[in-house]
Amino acid sequence: MKKVVVIGSGFSSLSAACHLAKAGFDVSVFEKNETVGGRARQLKKEGFTFDIGPSWYWMPDIFEKFFNDFGKSTSDFYKLNKLSPAYKIFFSDEVITIGDCMDKICDEFERIEKGSSEHLRSFINKAQENYDIAINKIVLRPGLSPFELVTKDTVLRVDQFFKTISQEVRKRFKNPKLISTLEFPVLFLGAKPSNTPSFYSFMNFADFGLGTWHPEGGMYEIIKAMKKLAEDLGVHIHVNSAVQKIEVKDGKTTGIQVDGKKIYADVVISGADYHHSETLLNKNYRQYSEAYWHKKTYAPSSLLFYVGFDKKLDNVEHHNLFFDTDFEKHAEEIYDNPKWPSEPLFYANFPSVTDDSMAPQGCETGFFLIPIAPGLEDTEQLRNQYFDLILNRFALRTKQDVKNNIIFKESFCVNDFIEEYNSFKGNAYGMANTLTQTAFLRPGLKSKKVKDLYFTGQLTVPGPGVPPSLISGKLVSELIIKKHI
């Protein structure tokens, strides 16, 4: 039985571990932190429960397919509820509510801009076609060759790889609020809409077509489900086990070093930050230089706040976007001229609005996120300054002052992403999915310099996000199975 060690225990690592264990490999997972989940960990405090990482459950079909691979269903592990409404977007003078079906969303678009619903249905129909091609074909390929992208479907849509989401949306819609609403989903890919190929409109179908869901108990229920599945398949999981080195002999990996102890393996997979993973190798075995990593475009980092409120809040939904300042200016301050944003957009998540288990009775669990450029200075003073800023805006837009209702506040930012996850420049979501960082143009799943060393996760194929991470783990496992079985 071939031995495989997996570094890290996020979605991609657990996915790879499960697939390889099912195929008959002896799999061990080594996680540096005290709980599994990677960036998808959980904070519990004074009866409040927070997902401290991913909080959006999109593309439910991908989660279902993952568990189906093992003869299971999501319902075997957690209960899913479709959110109605999916989310609210607060602008300076108006609130747009995104419903749980296309008819409701079209009605809302019509309210804002007469005639826009017809354009919306046409746009989403095209996005659905792209979704089918992307999710069922393109992302299931390991990024080993540019020819993976050359299919009948992609050739017919080649223009969509050279036009941007912004161009596609602005061709159809004039109202700036509707434009921001339709450009928002590609932010999950980690890049500006003006730099993202229009083919990625499939994210709009994921949003409007498939809806926004919530697993009862929070996103960490998925990690718990994957951990149980992995252990049932025979995977050995070790926490508080930071890897200090990837061992290589004669150009082949021979295992890892943990706490000064050598752990032998036939195959090593790293689901940790790709840049950090390569620093675990001697320099002559690294594929990419420091200059390479610095040239790449990264998804944003984030300033996050986890807040316990002593009362139920008014005028909010489970998911809330605050787009009451200049969308494009904030994007420029992330990507073009990196600095702390002057007037940031932000996101607020109150899972206890729909899930009573997430907060004590009569209280509210609040998660606030400000996207920021990776690599910024991170101080307690800056964190407090921005918390006051967004809380004032929150009070203005939702017509309630909640400062005196805060029981506690925890924060997480660039320094924590680096410390907790060895994240390059403290990025939150990996490498952006721009045209020049797609598929075979991303860092590879397989090392070019070390035999039987592989990588998985948000900096490699297929890209950032929870569903792509699940797929990444499957893709890397397929490469290993093909070679060793």
Protein backbone atom coordinates (compact mmCIF):
# COMPACT_ATOMS: atom_id res chain seq x y z
CA MET A 1 0.00 0.00 0.00
CA LYS A 2 1.54 3.30 -1.10
CA LYS A 3 1.90 5.90 1.66
CA VAL A 4 0.71 9.45 1.01
CA VAL A 5 1.14 12.43 3.31
CA VAL A 6 -0.99 15.52 2.86
CA ILE A 7 0.16 18.87 4.23
CA GLY A 8 -2.78 20.96 5.47
CA SER A 9 -6.41 20.07 6.09
CA GLY A 10 -8.47 22.57 4.12
CA PHE A 11 -11.11 21.65 1.57
CA SER A 12 -8.63 20.66 -1.15
CA SER A 13 -6.46 18.59 1.21
CA LEU A 14 -9.39 16.69 2.70
CA SER A 15 -10.81 16.13 -0.78
CA ALA A 16 -7.53 14.66 -2.01
CA ALA A 17 -7.16 12.55 1.13
CA CYS A 18 -10.65 11.06 0.74
CA HIS A 19 -10.21 10.21 -2.95
CA LEU A 20 -6.81 8.61 -2.39
CA ALA A 21 -7.95 6.60 0.63
CA LYS A 22 -10.87 5.29 -1.39
CA ALA A 23 -8.39 4.22 -4.09
CA GLY A 24 -6.43 2.18 -1.56
CA PHE A 25 -3.61 4.50 -0.49
CA ASP A 26 -2.44 4.78 3.13
CA VAL A 27 -3.12 8.50 3.73
CA SER A 28 -2.02 10.74 6.61
CA VAL A 29 -2.92 14.44 6.95
CA PHE A 30 -0.73 16.87 8.91
CA GLU A 31 -2.30 20.16 10.06
CA LYS A 32 -0.31 22.92 11.80
CA ASN A 33 -3.30 24.30 13.73
CA GLU A 34 -5.25 22.60 16.51
CA THR A 35 -8.35 21.92 14.37
CA VAL A 36 -8.84 20.76 10.79
CA GLY A 37 -10.30 22.99 8.08
CA GLY A 38 -7.47 25.26 6.99
CA ARG A 39 -9.01 28.67 6.35
CA ALA A 40 -12.48 27.23 6.97
CA ARG A 41 -12.19 27.07 10.73
CA GLN A 42 -14.70 27.95 13.41
CA LEU A 43 -14.76 30.30 16.39
CA LYS A 44 -17.05 29.57 19.34
CA LYS A 45 -17.31 32.15 22.10
CA GLU A 46 -19.91 32.86 24.79
CA GLY A 47 -22.54 30.84 22.94
CA PHE A 48 -21.84 32.47 19.55
CA THR A 49 -20.63 30.44 16.56
CA PHE A 50 -18.64 32.01 13.71
CA ASP A 51 -17.30 30.61 10.46
CA ILE A 52 -14.01 32.49 10.46
CA GLY A 53 -13.35 31.80 6.77
CA PRO A 54 -15.75 30.98 3.89
CA SER A 55 -19.35 31.95 4.60
CA TRP A 56 -21.09 31.64 1.19
CA TYR A 57 -22.46 28.27 0.07
CA TRP A 58 -22.75 28.48 -3.72
CA MET A 59 -22.68 25.73 -6.37
CA PRO A 60 -24.46 23.09 -4.26
CA ASP A 61 -24.11 20.62 -7.14
CA ILE A 62 -20.32 20.47 -6.62
CA PHE A 63 -20.65 19.61 -2.93
CA GLU A 64 -23.22 16.97 -3.80
CA LYS A 65 -20.96 15.46 -6.47
CA PHE A 66 -18.09 15.28 -3.99
CA PHE A 67 -20.08 13.21 -1.50
CA ASN A 68 -21.68 11.18 -4.31
CA ASP A 69 -18.17 9.99 -5.25
CA PHE A 70 -18.21 8.05 -1.98
CA GLY A 71 -21.78 6.78 -2.18
CA LYS A 72 -22.94 9.54 0.15
CA SER A 73 -25.02 12.69 -0.03
CA THR A 74 -24.69 16.06 1.70
CA SER A 75 -27.91 15.18 3.54
CA ASP A 76 -26.08 12.28 5.22
CA PHE A 77 -23.98 14.85 7.08
CA TYR A 78 -25.74 18.22 7.25
CA LYS A 79 -29.02 19.94 6.45
CA LEU A 80 -29.04 22.57 3.70
CA ASN A 81 -31.47 25.46 3.57
CA LYS A 82 -31.91 27.75 0.57
CA LEU A 83 -31.83 31.36 1.73
CA SER A 84 -34.81 33.54 0.88
CA PRO A 85 -33.85 36.20 0.12
CA ALA A 86 -30.34 35.24 -0.91
CA TYR A 87 -28.87 38.58 0.13
CA LYS A 88 -29.37 42.34 0.29
CA ILE A 89 -27.23 45.04 -1.31
CA PHE A 90 -27.22 48.41 0.42
CA PHE A 91 -26.49 51.43 -1.77
CA SER A 92 -26.37 55.02 -0.59
CA ASP A 93 -29.98 55.70 -1.59
CA GLU A 94 -31.57 52.30 -2.10
CA VAL A 95 -31.58 48.62 -1.14
CA ILE A 96 -31.69 45.83 -3.72
CA THR A 97 -32.97 42.47 -2.54
CA ILE A 98 -31.85 39.36 -4.43
CA GLY A 99 -34.60 36.77 -4.17
CA ASP A 100 -34.37 32.99 -4.20
CA CYS A 101 -35.55 32.52 -7.80
CA MET A 102 -35.21 34.21 -11.18
CA ASP A 103 -38.78 35.54 -11.21
CA LYS A 104 -38.21 37.49 -7.99
CA ILE A 105 -34.83 38.75 -9.18
CA CYS A 106 -36.30 39.86 -12.52
CA ASP A 107 -39.04 41.75 -10.69
CA GLU A 108 -36.39 43.56 -8.65
CA PHE A 109 -34.38 44.44 -11.76
CA GLU A 110 -37.53 45.80 -13.41
CA ARG A 111 -38.19 47.96 -10.37
CA ILE A 112 -34.75 49.52 -10.78
CA GLU A 113 -34.55 49.71 -14.58
CA LYS A 114 -37.54 49.17 -16.87
CA GLY A 115 -36.90 46.52 -19.51
CA SER A 116 -33.85 45.12 -17.73
CA SER A 117 -35.46 41.78 -16.84
CA GLU A 118 -35.45 40.66 -20.47
CA HIS A 119 -31.73 41.42 -20.73
CA LEU A 120 -31.17 39.65 -17.42
CA ARG A 121 -32.85 36.43 -18.54
CA SER A 122 -30.79 36.43 -21.75
CA PHE A 123 -27.58 37.07 -19.77
CA ILE A 124 -28.30 34.31 -17.24
CA ASN A 125 -29.22 31.82 -19.99
CA LYS A 126 -25.81 32.42 -21.54
CA ALA A 127 -24.21 32.20 -18.10
CA GLN A 128 -25.90 28.83 -17.56
CA GLU A 129 -24.38 27.48 -20.78
CA ASN A 130 -20.98 28.69 -19.60
CA TYR A 131 -21.54 27.08 -16.22
CA ASP A 132 -22.20 23.70 -17.81
CA ILE A 133 -19.02 23.96 -19.91
CA ALA A 134 -16.87 25.30 -17.06
CA ILE A 135 -18.00 23.03 -14.24
CA ASN A 136 -18.65 19.82 -16.14
CA LYS A 137 -15.73 20.05 -18.55
CA ILE A 138 -13.00 22.68 -18.19
CA VAL A 139 -12.41 22.66 -14.43
CA LEU A 140 -12.22 18.87 -14.40
CA ARG A 141 -8.96 19.01 -16.36
CA PRO A 142 -5.63 19.15 -14.52
CA GLY A 143 -4.06 22.15 -16.27
CA LEU A 144 -1.20 20.19 -17.80
CA SER A 145 -1.58 21.54 -21.34
CA PRO A 146 -3.14 24.50 -23.18
CA PHE A 147 -4.91 21.99 -25.40
CA GLU A 148 -7.19 21.09 -22.49
CA LEU A 149 -8.97 24.38 -23.19
CA VAL A 150 -9.43 23.70 -26.89
CA THR A 151 -12.83 22.07 -27.32
CA LYS A 152 -15.76 22.62 -29.63
CA ASP A 153 -17.53 24.52 -26.85
CA THR A 154 -14.62 26.83 -26.03
CA VAL A 155 -13.75 27.50 -29.67
CA LEU A 156 -17.32 28.68 -30.24
CA ARG A 157 -16.91 31.01 -27.25
CA VAL A 158 -13.33 32.13 -27.78
CA ASP A 159 -14.42 35.79 -27.87
CA GLN A 160 -15.62 35.42 -24.27
CA PHE A 161 -12.05 34.87 -23.13
CA PHE A 162 -10.96 38.22 -24.55
CA LYS A 163 -13.93 40.33 -23.49
CA THR A 164 -14.42 41.14 -19.84
CA ILE A 165 -17.33 40.72 -17.47
CA SER A 166 -17.53 44.51 -17.21
CA GLN A 167 -17.88 44.88 -20.98
CA GLU A 168 -20.53 42.18 -21.15
CA VAL A 169 -22.59 43.61 -18.29
CA ARG A 170 -22.33 47.26 -19.33
CA LYS A 171 -23.41 46.39 -22.86
CA ARG A 172 -26.75 45.20 -21.49
CA PHE A 173 -27.42 47.34 -18.42
CA LYS A 174 -27.19 51.08 -17.77
CA ASN A 175 -28.15 51.44 -14.12
CA PRO A 176 -24.94 51.52 -12.02
CA LYS A 177 -26.59 49.60 -9.18
CA LEU A 178 -27.54 46.72 -11.45
CA ILE A 179 -24.05 46.78 -12.95
CA SER A 180 -22.49 46.46 -9.48
CA THR A 181 -24.94 43.67 -8.62
CA LEU A 182 -23.91 41.67 -11.69
CA GLU A 183 -20.20 42.39 -11.35
CA PHE A 184 -20.11 41.34 -7.69
CA PRO A 185 -19.99 37.51 -8.10
CA VAL A 186 -16.68 37.47 -9.99
CA LEU A 187 -15.03 39.02 -6.93
CA PHE A 188 -15.07 35.43 -5.62
CA LEU A 189 -12.53 34.70 -8.36
CA GLY A 190 -10.23 37.28 -6.85
CA ALA A 191 -9.96 39.82 -9.67
CA LYS A 192 -11.51 43.06 -10.91
CA PRO A 193 -14.52 42.56 -13.23
CA SER A 194 -12.64 44.66 -15.82
CA ASN A 195 -9.82 42.06 -15.79
CA THR A 196 -12.00 38.93 -15.70
CA PRO A 197 -12.97 37.16 -18.96
CA SER A 198 -16.69 37.34 -19.72
CA PHE A 199 -16.77 33.53 -19.87
CA TYR A 200 -16.73 33.70 -16.07
CA SER A 201 -20.32 34.93 -16.18
CA PHE A 202 -20.98 31.36 -15.06
CA MET A 203 -20.58 32.83 -11.56
CA ASN A 204 -23.75 34.83 -12.20
CA PHE A 205 -25.62 31.61 -12.90
CA ALA A 206 -24.18 30.15 -9.69
CA ASP A 207 -25.63 33.19 -7.93
CA PHE A 208 -29.02 33.80 -9.56
CA GLY A 209 -29.63 30.38 -11.09
CA LEU A 210 -28.54 28.00 -8.32
CA GLY A 211 -29.11 30.27 -5.35
CA THR A 212 -27.44 30.86 -2.00
CA TRP A 213 -27.61 28.14 0.64
CA HIS A 214 -26.73 27.64 4.29
CA PRO A 215 -25.75 24.42 6.05
CA GLU A 216 -27.38 24.38 9.49
CA GLY A 217 -24.67 24.99 12.07
CA GLY A 218 -22.50 26.91 9.59
CA MET A 219 -19.94 26.20 6.89
CA TYR A 220 -17.79 24.26 9.32
CA GLU A 221 -20.37 21.47 9.13
CA ILE A 222 -18.90 20.66 5.69
CA ILE A 223 -15.41 20.33 7.17
CA LYS A 224 -16.76 18.10 9.94
CA ALA A 225 -18.48 15.97 7.30
CA MET A 226 -15.30 15.66 5.23
CA LYS A 227 -13.25 14.82 8.33
CA LYS A 228 -15.69 12.04 9.27
CA LEU A 229 -15.70 10.72 5.71
CA ALA A 230 -11.89 10.77 5.61
CA GLU A 231 -11.55 8.95 8.91
CA ASP A 232 -14.18 6.39 7.91
CA LEU A 233 -12.05 5.75 4.80
CA GLY A 234 -8.99 5.17 7.00
CA VAL A 235 -7.24 8.55 6.75
CA HIS A 236 -5.01 9.38 9.74
CA ILE A 237 -5.36 13.05 10.74
CA HIS A 238 -2.73 14.78 12.88
CA VAL A 239 -3.34 18.31 14.24
CA ASN A 240 -0.79 20.60 15.92
CA SER A 241 1.67 19.10 13.45
CA ALA A 242 3.43 21.83 11.48
CA VAL A 243 5.61 20.52 8.66
CA GLN A 244 9.15 21.93 8.71
CA LYS A 245 10.52 20.31 5.58
CA ILE A 246 9.64 18.29 2.50
CA GLU A 247 12.33 15.61 2.22
CA VAL A 248 13.87 14.90 -1.19
CA LYS A 249 16.49 12.36 -2.20
CA ASP A 250 17.84 11.98 -5.75
CA GLY A 251 15.08 14.18 -7.14
CA LYS A 252 12.25 12.23 -5.47
CA THR A 253 10.29 13.11 -2.36
CA THR A 254 10.77 10.69 0.49
CA GLY A 255 8.39 12.29 2.97
CA ILE A 256 8.21 15.22 5.37
CA GLN A 257 9.72 16.39 8.62
CA VAL A 258 7.40 17.19 11.54
CA ASP A 259 8.77 18.33 14.90
CA GLY A 260 12.20 17.13 13.85
CA LYS A 261 10.88 13.68 13.04
CA LYS A 262 11.00 12.17 9.55
CA ILE A 263 7.66 10.86 8.26
CA TYR A 264 8.25 8.53 5.31
CA ALA A 265 5.95 8.70 2.27
CA ASP A 266 5.89 7.53 -1.33
CA VAL A 267 3.90 10.64 -2.31
CA VAL A 268 3.60 14.10 -0.76
CA ILE A 269 0.74 16.53 -1.49
CA SER A 270 0.77 20.05 -0.12
CA GLY A 271 -2.54 21.81 0.29
CA ALA A 272 -0.80 24.57 2.22
CA ASP A 273 -0.02 27.91 0.59
CA TYR A 274 1.95 27.05 -2.59
CA HIS A 275 4.66 29.65 -2.02
CA HIS A 276 5.15 28.46 1.55
CA SER A 277 5.16 24.83 0.43
CA GLU A 278 8.09 25.51 -1.88
CA THR A 279 10.03 27.13 0.97
CA LEU A 280 9.91 23.70 2.64
CA LEU A 281 12.18 22.48 -0.17
CA ASN A 282 15.87 23.17 -0.75
CA LYS A 283 16.22 26.02 -3.28
CA ASN A 284 17.36 23.78 -6.11
CA TYR A 285 14.04 21.90 -5.95
CA ARG A 286 11.79 24.97 -6.06
CA GLN A 287 9.94 25.56 -9.35
CA TYR A 288 9.18 29.24 -8.93
CA SER A 289 11.40 32.16 -7.90
CA GLU A 290 10.47 34.87 -5.42
CA ALA A 291 10.22 37.22 -8.40
CA TYR A 292 7.61 34.91 -9.95
CA TRP A 293 5.39 35.05 -6.87
CA HIS A 294 5.71 38.82 -6.54
CA LYS A 295 4.63 39.36 -10.16
CA LYS A 296 1.38 37.43 -9.81
CA THR A 297 -2.05 38.93 -9.18
CA TYR A 298 -3.55 37.74 -5.92
CA ALA A 299 -7.06 37.69 -4.64
CA PRO A 300 -7.59 40.25 -1.89
CA SER A 301 -6.75 39.86 1.73
CA SER A 302 -9.44 40.76 4.23
CA LEU A 303 -9.99 42.62 7.45
CA LEU A 304 -12.50 40.49 9.36
CA PHE A 305 -14.47 41.15 12.51
CA TYR A 306 -16.39 38.58 14.56
CA VAL A 307 -18.91 40.36 16.76
CA GLY A 308 -21.40 39.14 19.35
CA PHE A 309 -24.48 41.39 19.70
CA ASP A 310 -26.77 41.29 22.73
CA LYS A 311 -29.95 41.76 20.65
CA LYS A 312 -31.49 40.81 17.32
CA LEU A 313 -30.64 43.36 14.62
CA ASP A 314 -33.14 45.15 12.38
CA ASN A 315 -33.29 45.50 8.59
CA VAL A 316 -30.64 42.87 7.80
CA GLU A 317 -30.62 39.47 6.12
CA HIS A 318 -28.26 36.51 6.48
CA HIS A 319 -25.92 38.01 3.80
CA ASN A 320 -25.58 41.77 3.27
CA LEU A 321 -23.37 43.74 0.88
CA PHE A 322 -22.68 47.41 1.54
CA PHE A 323 -22.03 49.00 -1.86
CA ASP A 324 -22.80 52.53 -0.68
CA THR A 325 -19.41 53.85 -1.82
CA ASP A 326 -17.48 53.78 -5.11
CA PHE A 327 -17.08 50.12 -6.24
CA GLU A 328 -14.41 50.93 -8.85
CA LYS A 329 -12.36 53.14 -6.55
CA HIS A 330 -12.19 50.42 -3.90
CA ALA A 331 -11.15 47.87 -6.57
CA GLU A 332 -8.36 50.22 -7.72
CA GLU A 333 -7.13 50.49 -4.11
CA ILE A 334 -6.88 46.70 -3.97
CA TYR A 335 -5.37 45.91 -7.37
CA ASP A 336 -3.96 49.01 -9.10
CA ASN A 337 -2.69 51.19 -6.27
CA PRO A 338 -2.57 48.95 -3.21
CA LYS A 339 -3.35 50.83 -0.01
CA TRP A 340 -5.84 50.87 2.81
CA PRO A 341 -9.15 51.83 1.14
CA SER A 342 -10.41 55.36 1.62
CA GLU A 343 -14.11 54.40 1.51
CA PRO A 344 -14.33 50.62 1.53
CA LEU A 345 -17.20 48.46 0.47
CA PHE A 346 -17.88 45.75 3.02
CA TYR A 347 -19.86 42.57 3.64
CA ALA A 348 -21.85 41.68 6.74
CA ASN A 349 -23.02 38.17 7.56
CA PHE A 350 -25.59 37.42 10.27
CA PRO A 351 -26.12 33.65 10.14
CA SER A 352 -28.28 33.74 13.26
CA VAL A 353 -30.97 35.53 11.20
CA THR A 354 -31.80 32.15 9.64
CA ASP A 355 -30.06 29.70 12.01
CA ASP A 356 -30.89 29.95 15.73
CA SER A 357 -28.01 27.62 16.61
CA MET A 358 -25.43 30.27 15.68
CA ALA A 359 -26.17 32.65 18.60
CA PRO A 360 -27.70 32.66 22.09
CA GLN A 361 -31.44 33.35 22.20
CA GLY A 362 -32.24 36.97 21.48
CA CYS A 363 -28.70 37.69 20.25
CA GLU A 364 -27.04 38.04 16.84
CA THR A 365 -23.80 36.64 15.43
CA GLY A 366 -22.08 39.22 13.21
CA PHE A 367 -19.26 38.66 10.73
CA PHE A 368 -17.92 41.75 8.90
CA LEU A 369 -15.44 41.62 6.01
CA ILE A 370 -13.56 44.43 4.25
CA PRO A 371 -11.60 43.33 1.15
CA ILE A 372 -8.11 44.87 1.14
CA ALA A 373 -4.91 44.53 -0.86
CA PRO A 374 -2.57 41.76 0.32
CA GLY A 375 0.69 42.80 1.93
CA LEU A 376 -0.57 45.94 3.67
CA GLU A 377 0.62 47.15 7.06
CA ASP A 378 -1.61 45.62 9.71
CA THR A 379 -1.92 47.26 13.14
CA GLU A 380 -4.47 47.22 15.94
CA GLN A 381 -5.00 50.94 15.45
CA LEU A 382 -5.90 50.47 11.78
CA ARG A 383 -8.25 47.60 12.62
CA ASN A 384 -10.10 49.71 15.18
CA GLN A 385 -10.24 52.69 12.84
CA TYR A 386 -11.91 50.62 10.11
CA PHE A 387 -14.28 48.91 12.52
CA ASP A 388 -15.58 52.31 13.65
CA LEU A 389 -15.87 53.41 10.01
CA ILE A 390 -17.98 50.45 8.87
CA LEU A 391 -20.09 50.38 12.03
CA ASN A 392 -21.04 54.03 11.45
CA ARG A 393 -22.01 53.20 7.86
CA PHE A 394 -23.88 50.13 9.03
CA ALA A 395 -25.87 52.25 11.49
CA LEU A 396 -26.68 54.79 8.77
CA ARG A 397 -27.83 52.25 6.17
CA THR A 398 -29.77 49.93 8.49
CA LYS A 399 -31.14 52.76 10.66
CA GLN A 400 -29.86 51.44 13.98
CA ASP A 401 -26.95 52.25 16.28
CA VAL A 402 -25.50 48.99 17.59
CA LYS A 403 -22.25 50.15 19.23
CA ASN A 404 -23.68 49.74 22.72
CA ASN A 405 -24.99 46.25 21.90
CA ILE A 406 -21.57 44.69 21.31
CA ILE A 407 -20.69 41.96 23.81
CA PHE A 408 -17.28 41.25 22.26
CA LYS A 409 -15.28 41.78 19.07
CA GLU A 410 -12.49 39.66 17.57
CA SER A 411 -10.52 40.63 14.46
CA PHE A 412 -8.42 38.83 11.83
CA CYS A 413 -6.28 40.45 9.15
CA VAL A 414 -3.06 40.27 7.10
CA ASN A 415 -0.78 39.33 9.99
CA ASP A 416 -3.13 36.53 11.03
CA PHE A 417 -3.39 35.10 7.49
CA ILE A 418 0.40 34.93 7.46
CA GLU A 419 0.73 33.53 10.97
CA GLU A 420 -2.15 31.04 10.86
CA TYR A 421 -1.98 29.89 7.22
CA ASN A 422 1.50 30.85 5.97
CA SER A 423 -0.36 32.88 3.36
CA PHE A 424 1.77 34.75 0.81
CA LYS A 425 1.42 38.48 1.59
CA GLY A 426 -1.54 37.54 3.78
CA ASN A 427 -3.86 36.92 0.82
CA ALA A 428 -7.23 35.45 1.79
CA TYR A 429 -8.31 33.56 -1.34
CA GLY A 430 -5.23 32.51 -3.27
CA MET A 431 -4.28 33.57 -6.79
CA ALA A 432 -6.75 35.53 -8.91
CA ASN A 433 -8.35 33.87 -11.94
CA THR A 434 -7.36 36.36 -14.62
CA LEU A 435 -6.88 35.30 -18.25
CA THR A 436 -3.11 34.96 -17.79
CA GLN A 437 -3.59 32.98 -14.56
CA THR A 438 -6.09 30.38 -15.79
CA ALA A 439 -5.73 26.60 -16.16
CA PHE A 440 -2.24 25.65 -17.43
CA LEU A 441 -1.01 29.20 -16.70
CA ARG A 442 -1.41 28.68 -12.94
CA PRO A 443 1.23 26.99 -10.75
CA GLY A 444 0.98 23.28 -11.52
CA LEU A 445 -0.60 20.45 -9.55
CA LYS A 446 2.56 18.42 -10.10
CA SER A 447 6.11 19.49 -9.31
CA LYS A 448 8.37 19.79 -12.34
CA LYS A 449 11.49 19.23 -10.24
CA VAL A 450 10.59 16.64 -7.62
CA LYS A 451 9.06 13.26 -8.43
CA ASP A 452 5.90 12.35 -6.52
CA LEU A 453 5.46 15.84 -5.08
CA TYR A 454 2.07 17.45 -5.77
CA PHE A 455 0.15 20.57 -4.83
CA THR A 456 -3.53 21.37 -4.40
CA GLY A 457 -5.64 24.35 -3.37
CA GLN A 458 -6.40 27.94 -4.24
CA LEU A 459 -3.05 28.88 -5.78
CA THR A 460 -3.15 26.03 -8.28
CA VAL A 461 -5.77 24.49 -10.59
CA PRO A 462 -8.64 25.29 -10.97
CA GLY A 463 -8.60 28.40 -8.76
CA PRO A 464 -9.95 30.22 -5.68
CA GLY A 465 -13.14 29.36 -3.85
CA VAL A 466 -14.53 26.41 -1.92
CA PRO A 467 -16.05 24.44 -4.83
CA PRO A 468 -12.85 24.78 -6.94
CA SER A 469 -10.86 23.59 -3.92
CA LEU A 470 -12.96 20.43 -3.71
CA ILE A 471 -12.29 19.88 -7.41
CA SER A 472 -8.57 20.62 -6.99
CA GLY A 473 -8.27 17.81 -4.46
CA LYS A 474 -9.96 15.40 -6.83
CA LEU A 475 -7.78 16.44 -9.78
CA VAL A 476 -4.53 15.91 -7.90
CA SER A 477 -5.72 12.55 -6.61
CA GLU A 478 -6.50 11.44 -10.17
CA LEU A 479 -2.94 12.29 -11.28
CA ILE A 480 -1.54 10.20 -8.43
CA ILE A 481 -3.90 7.28 -8.99
CA LYS A 482 -3.07 7.26 -12.70
CA LYS A 483 0.64 7.01 -11.92
CA HIS A 484 0.62 4.57 -9.01
CA ILE A 485 -2.31 2.22 -9.67
